Amino acid sequence: MSFLVEYDSQPVKFLKKQEKKISKRILDKIDELFKDTEIPQGSTAIVGEHVVYRV
């Protein structure tokens, strides 16, 4: 089963302002969260949405 990771505009803006090295480290860590499972431990289901989670 494939899934889509969408970023809100605020985190995208934040990542663009950071040094490339820091942005890459953050995005690599997010990729690590999804390596083993598509719903990482500690994620929260969004109320009113079907199969949508906040990490």
PDB file of N, CA and C in Angstrom:
ATOM      1  N   MET A   1       0.841  -1.177   0.000  1.00  0.00           N
ATOM      2  CA  MET A   1       0.000   0.000   0.000  1.00  0.00           C
ATOM      3  C   MET A   1       0.890   1.246   0.000  1.00  0.00           C
ATOM      4  N   SER A   2       0.663   2.158  -0.902  1.00  0.00           N
ATOM      5  CA  SER A   2       1.456   3.380  -0.935  1.00  0.00           C
ATOM      6  C   SER A   2       0.701   4.492  -0.205  1.00  0.00           C
ATOM      7  N   PHE A   3       1.424   5.505   0.182  1.00  0.00           N
ATOM      8  CA  PHE A   3       0.816   6.617   0.884  1.00  0.00           C
ATOM      9  C   PHE A   3       1.500   7.901   0.472  1.00  0.00           C
ATOM     10  N   LEU A   4       0.885   9.004   0.802  1.00  0.00           N
ATOM     11  CA  LEU A   4       1.373  10.316   0.411  1.00  0.00           C
ATOM     12  C   LEU A   4       1.655  11.131   1.664  1.00  0.00           C
ATOM     13  N   VAL A   5       2.823  11.751   1.724  1.00  0.00           N
ATOM     14  CA  VAL A   5       3.174  12.637   2.826  1.00  0.00           C
ATOM     15  C   VAL A   5       3.009  14.059   2.321  1.00  0.00           C
ATOM     16  N   GLU A   6       2.122  14.811   2.957  1.00  0.00           N
ATOM     17  CA  GLU A   6       1.902  16.204   2.586  1.00  0.00           C
ATOM     18  C   GLU A   6       2.370  17.088   3.727  1.00  0.00           C
ATOM     19  N   TYR A   7       3.034  18.184   3.367  1.00  0.00           N
ATOM     20  CA  TYR A   7       3.519  19.135   4.358  1.00  0.00           C
ATOM     21  C   TYR A   7       2.648  20.386   4.322  1.00  0.00           C
ATOM     22  N   ASP A   8       2.332  20.908   5.494  1.00  0.00           N
ATOM     23  CA  ASP A   8       1.613  22.163   5.603  1.00  0.00           C
ATOM     24  C   ASP A   8       2.517  23.288   5.098  1.00  0.00           C
ATOM     25  N   SER A   9       1.968  24.437   4.794  1.00  0.00           N
ATOM     26  CA  SER A   9       2.772  25.535   4.250  1.00  0.00           C
ATOM     27  C   SER A   9       3.781  26.083   5.267  1.00  0.00           C
ATOM     28  N   GLN A  10       3.432  26.083   6.543  1.00  0.00           N
ATOM     29  CA  GLN A  10       4.346  26.612   7.562  1.00  0.00           C
ATOM     30  C   GLN A  10       5.637  25.798   7.675  1.00  0.00           C
ATOM     31  N   PRO A  11       5.582  24.451   7.748  1.00  0.00           N
ATOM     32  CA  PRO A  11       6.832  23.687   7.780  1.00  0.00           C
ATOM     33  C   PRO A  11       7.661  23.834   6.500  1.00  0.00           C
ATOM     34  N   VAL A  12       6.999  23.936   5.353  1.00  0.00           N
ATOM     35  CA  VAL A  12       7.722  24.118   4.090  1.00  0.00           C
ATOM     36  C   VAL A  12       8.476  25.444   4.120  1.00  0.00           C
ATOM     37  N   LYS A  13       7.827  26.488   4.583  1.00  0.00           N
ATOM     38  CA  LYS A  13       8.454  27.803   4.693  1.00  0.00           C
ATOM     39  C   LYS A  13       9.650  27.750   5.646  1.00  0.00           C
ATOM     40  N   PHE A  14       9.476  27.052   6.765  1.00  0.00           N
ATOM     41  CA  PHE A  14      10.550  26.894   7.741  1.00  0.00           C
ATOM     42  C   PHE A  14      11.751  26.183   7.121  1.00  0.00           C
ATOM     43  N   LEU A  15      11.496  25.075   6.419  1.00  0.00           N
ATOM     44  CA  LEU A  15      12.583  24.302   5.811  1.00  0.00           C
ATOM     45  C   LEU A  15      13.326  25.102   4.747  1.00  0.00           C
ATOM     46  N   LYS A  16      12.623  25.930   4.009  1.00  0.00           N
ATOM     47  CA  LYS A  16      13.263  26.745   2.979  1.00  0.00           C
ATOM     48  C   LYS A  16      14.204  27.779   3.580  1.00  0.00           C
ATOM     49  N   LYS A  17      13.898  28.246   4.794  1.00  0.00           N
ATOM     50  CA  LYS A  17      14.718  29.260   5.444  1.00  0.00           C
ATOM     51  C   LYS A  17      15.975  28.676   6.087  1.00  0.00           C
ATOM     52  N   GLN A  18      15.978  27.376   6.340  1.00  0.00           N
ATOM     53  CA  GLN A  18      17.104  26.732   7.004  1.00  0.00           C
ATOM     54  C   GLN A  18      18.229  26.440   6.018  1.00  0.00           C
ATOM     55  N   GLU A  19      19.404  26.183   6.572  1.00  0.00           N
ATOM     56  CA  GLU A  19      20.518  25.732   5.733  1.00  0.00           C
ATOM     57  C   GLU A  19      20.139  24.392   5.122  1.00  0.00           C
ATOM     58  N   LYS A  20      20.672  24.111   3.944  1.00  0.00           N
ATOM     59  CA  LYS A  20      20.338  22.862   3.254  1.00  0.00           C
ATOM     60  C   LYS A  20      20.694  21.637   4.091  1.00  0.00           C
ATOM     61  N   LYS A  21      21.798  21.724   4.818  1.00  0.00           N
ATOM     62  CA  LYS A  21      22.241  20.600   5.647  1.00  0.00           C
ATOM     63  C   LYS A  21      21.209  20.284   6.729  1.00  0.00           C
ATOM     64  N   ILE A  22      20.673  21.314   7.349  1.00  0.00           N
ATOM     65  CA  ILE A  22      19.686  21.120   8.418  1.00  0.00           C
ATOM     66  C   ILE A  22      18.372  20.600   7.844  1.00  0.00           C
ATOM     67  N   SER A  23      17.928  21.182   6.726  1.00  0.00           N
ATOM     68  CA  SER A  23      16.696  20.720   6.084  1.00  0.00           C
ATOM     69  C   SER A  23      16.803  19.256   5.690  1.00  0.00           C
ATOM     70  N   LYS A  24      17.957  18.862   5.170  1.00  0.00           N
ATOM     71  CA  LYS A  24      18.158  17.465   4.766  1.00  0.00           C
ATOM     72  C   LYS A  24      18.091  16.533   5.967  1.00  0.00           C
ATOM     73  N   ARG A  25      18.684  16.938   7.086  1.00  0.00           N
ATOM     74  CA  ARG A  25      18.638  16.111   8.303  1.00  0.00           C
ATOM     75  C   ARG A  25      17.203  15.921   8.784  1.00  0.00           C
ATOM     76  N   ILE A  26      16.404  16.987   8.739  1.00  0.00           N
ATOM     77  CA  ILE A  26      15.007  16.908   9.174  1.00  0.00           C
ATOM     78  C   ILE A  26      14.219  15.983   8.256  1.00  0.00           C
ATOM     79  N   LEU A  27      14.371  16.156   6.946  1.00  0.00           N
ATOM     80  CA  LEU A  27      13.637  15.322   5.993  1.00  0.00           C
ATOM     81  C   LEU A  27      14.087  13.870   6.046  1.00  0.00           C
ATOM     82  N   ASP A  28      15.376  13.634   6.292  1.00  0.00           N
ATOM     83  CA  ASP A  28      15.862  12.252   6.450  1.00  0.00           C
ATOM     84  C   ASP A  28      15.239  11.594   7.672  1.00  0.00           C
ATOM     85  N   LYS A  29      15.081  12.346   8.752  1.00  0.00           N
ATOM     86  CA  LYS A  29      14.474  11.811   9.968  1.00  0.00           C
ATOM     87  C   LYS A  29      13.007  11.463   9.725  1.00  0.00           C
ATOM     88  N   ILE A  30      12.305  12.309   8.975  1.00  0.00           N
ATOM     89  CA  ILE A  30      10.911  12.016   8.633  1.00  0.00           C
ATOM     90  C   ILE A  30      10.835  10.752   7.791  1.00  0.00           C
ATOM     91  N   ASP A  31      11.740  10.599   6.827  1.00  0.00           N
ATOM     92  CA  ASP A  31      11.785   9.381   6.010  1.00  0.00           C
ATOM     93  C   ASP A  31      12.021   8.143   6.872  1.00  0.00           C
ATOM     94  N   GLU A  32      12.874   8.269   7.884  1.00  0.00           N
ATOM     95  CA  GLU A  32      13.158   7.162   8.800  1.00  0.00           C
ATOM     96  C   GLU A  32      11.901   6.723   9.547  1.00  0.00           C
ATOM     97  N   LEU A  33      11.061   7.693   9.923  1.00  0.00           N
ATOM     98  CA  LEU A  33       9.823   7.370  10.644  1.00  0.00           C
ATOM     99  C   LEU A  33       8.921   6.455   9.826  1.00  0.00           C
ATOM    100  N   PHE A  34       8.916   6.665   8.510  1.00  0.00           N
ATOM    101  CA  PHE A  34       8.025   5.907   7.644  1.00  0.00           C
ATOM    102  C   PHE A  34       8.675   4.672   7.034  1.00  0.00           C
ATOM    103  N   LYS A  35       9.924   4.394   7.382  1.00  0.00           N
ATOM    104  CA  LYS A  35      10.627   3.262   6.788  1.00  0.00           C
ATOM    105  C   LYS A  35       9.987   1.930   7.183  1.00  0.00           C
ATOM    106  N   ASP A  36       9.645   1.769   8.450  1.00  0.00           N
ATOM    107  CA  ASP A  36       9.125   0.486   8.935  1.00  0.00           C
ATOM    108  C   ASP A  36       7.610   0.368   8.829  1.00  0.00           C
ATOM    109  N   THR A  37       6.914   1.461   8.985  1.00  0.00           N
ATOM    110  CA  THR A  37       5.453   1.433   8.980  1.00  0.00           C
ATOM    111  C   THR A  37       4.921   2.731   8.400  1.00  0.00           C
ATOM    112  N   GLU A  38       3.737   2.683   7.825  1.00  0.00           N
ATOM    113  CA  GLU A  38       3.188   3.908   7.254  1.00  0.00           C
ATOM    114  C   GLU A  38       2.493   4.782   8.294  1.00  0.00           C
ATOM    115  N   ILE A  39       2.228   4.247   9.484  1.00  0.00           N
ATOM    116  CA  ILE A  39       1.658   5.043  10.573  1.00  0.00           C
ATOM    117  C   ILE A  39       2.622   4.952  11.748  1.00  0.00           C
ATOM    118  N   PRO A  40       3.518   5.934  11.900  1.00  0.00           N
ATOM    119  CA  PRO A  40       4.527   5.878  12.958  1.00  0.00           C
ATOM    120  C   PRO A  40       3.922   5.959  14.359  1.00  0.00           C
ATOM    121  N   GLN A  41       4.629   5.413  15.316  1.00  0.00           N
ATOM    122  CA  GLN A  41       4.208   5.470  16.712  1.00  0.00           C
ATOM    123  C   GLN A  41       4.161   6.933  17.146  1.00  0.00           C
ATOM    124  N   GLY A  42       3.126   7.299  17.863  1.00  0.00           N
ATOM    125  CA  GLY A  42       2.992   8.657  18.350  1.00  0.00           C
ATOM    126  C   GLY A  42       2.221   9.570  17.416  1.00  0.00           C
ATOM    127  N   SER A  43       1.805   9.069  16.253  1.00  0.00           N
ATOM    128  CA  SER A  43       1.030   9.901  15.336  1.00  0.00           C
ATOM    129  C   SER A  43      -0.419   9.970  15.823  1.00  0.00           C
ATOM    130  N   THR A  44      -1.125  11.023  15.419  1.00  0.00           N
ATOM    131  CA  THR A  44      -2.492  11.265  15.873  1.00  0.00           C
ATOM    132  C   THR A  44      -3.425  11.287  14.674  1.00  0.00           C
ATOM    133  N   ALA A  45      -4.543  10.586  14.796  1.00  0.00           N
ATOM    134  CA  ALA A  45      -5.541  10.600  13.727  1.00  0.00           C
ATOM    135  C   ALA A  45      -6.223  11.965  13.702  1.00  0.00           C
ATOM    136  N   ILE A  46      -6.458  12.483  12.505  1.00  0.00           N
ATOM    137  CA  ILE A  46      -7.136  13.762  12.337  1.00  0.00           C
ATOM    138  C   ILE A  46      -8.643  13.509  12.390  1.00  0.00           C
ATOM    139  N   VAL A  47      -9.334  14.213  13.272  1.00  0.00           N
ATOM    140  CA  VAL A  47     -10.772  14.028  13.458  1.00  0.00           C
ATOM    141  C   VAL A  47     -11.509  14.484  12.201  1.00  0.00           C
ATOM    142  N   GLY A  48     -12.442  13.665  11.763  1.00  0.00           N
ATOM    143  CA  GLY A  48     -13.248  14.005  10.588  1.00  0.00           C
ATOM    144  C   GLY A  48     -12.621  13.568   9.273  1.00  0.00           C
ATOM    145  N   GLU A  49     -11.424  13.004   9.307  1.00  0.00           N
ATOM    146  CA  GLU A  49     -10.761  12.527   8.099  1.00  0.00           C
ATOM    147  C   GLU A  49     -10.558  11.020   8.210  1.00  0.00           C
ATOM    148  N   HIS A  50     -10.631  10.338   7.098  1.00  0.00           N
ATOM    149  CA  HIS A  50     -10.440   8.890   7.070  1.00  0.00           C
ATOM    150  C   HIS A  50      -8.982   8.593   6.707  1.00  0.00           C
ATOM    151  N   VAL A  51      -8.288   7.910   7.574  1.00  0.00           N
ATOM    152  CA  VAL A  51      -6.902   7.488   7.381  1.00  0.00           C
ATOM    153  C   VAL A  51      -5.966   8.680   7.115  1.00  0.00           C
ATOM    154  N   VAL A  52      -6.113   9.741   7.909  1.00  0.00           N
ATOM    155  CA  VAL A  52      -5.240  10.899   7.832  1.00  0.00           C
ATOM    156  C   VAL A  52      -4.646  11.094   9.222  1.00  0.00           C
ATOM    157  N   TYR A  53      -3.305  11.198   9.290  1.00  0.00           N
ATOM    158  CA  TYR A  53      -2.625  11.287  10.584  1.00  0.00           C
ATOM    159  C   TYR A  53      -1.688  12.482  10.637  1.00  0.00           C
ATOM    160  N   ARG A  54      -1.522  13.016  11.851  1.00  0.00           N
ATOM    161  CA  ARG A  54      -0.541  14.074  12.114  1.00  0.00           C
ATOM    162  C   ARG A  54       0.633  13.428  12.796  1.00  0.00           C
ATOM    163  N   VAL A  55       1.820  13.706  12.299  1.00  0.00           N
ATOM    164  CA  VAL A  55       3.034  13.118  12.881  1.00  0.00           C
ATOM    165  C   VAL A  55       3.748  14.175  13.685  1.00  0.00           C
TER     166      VAL A  55
END
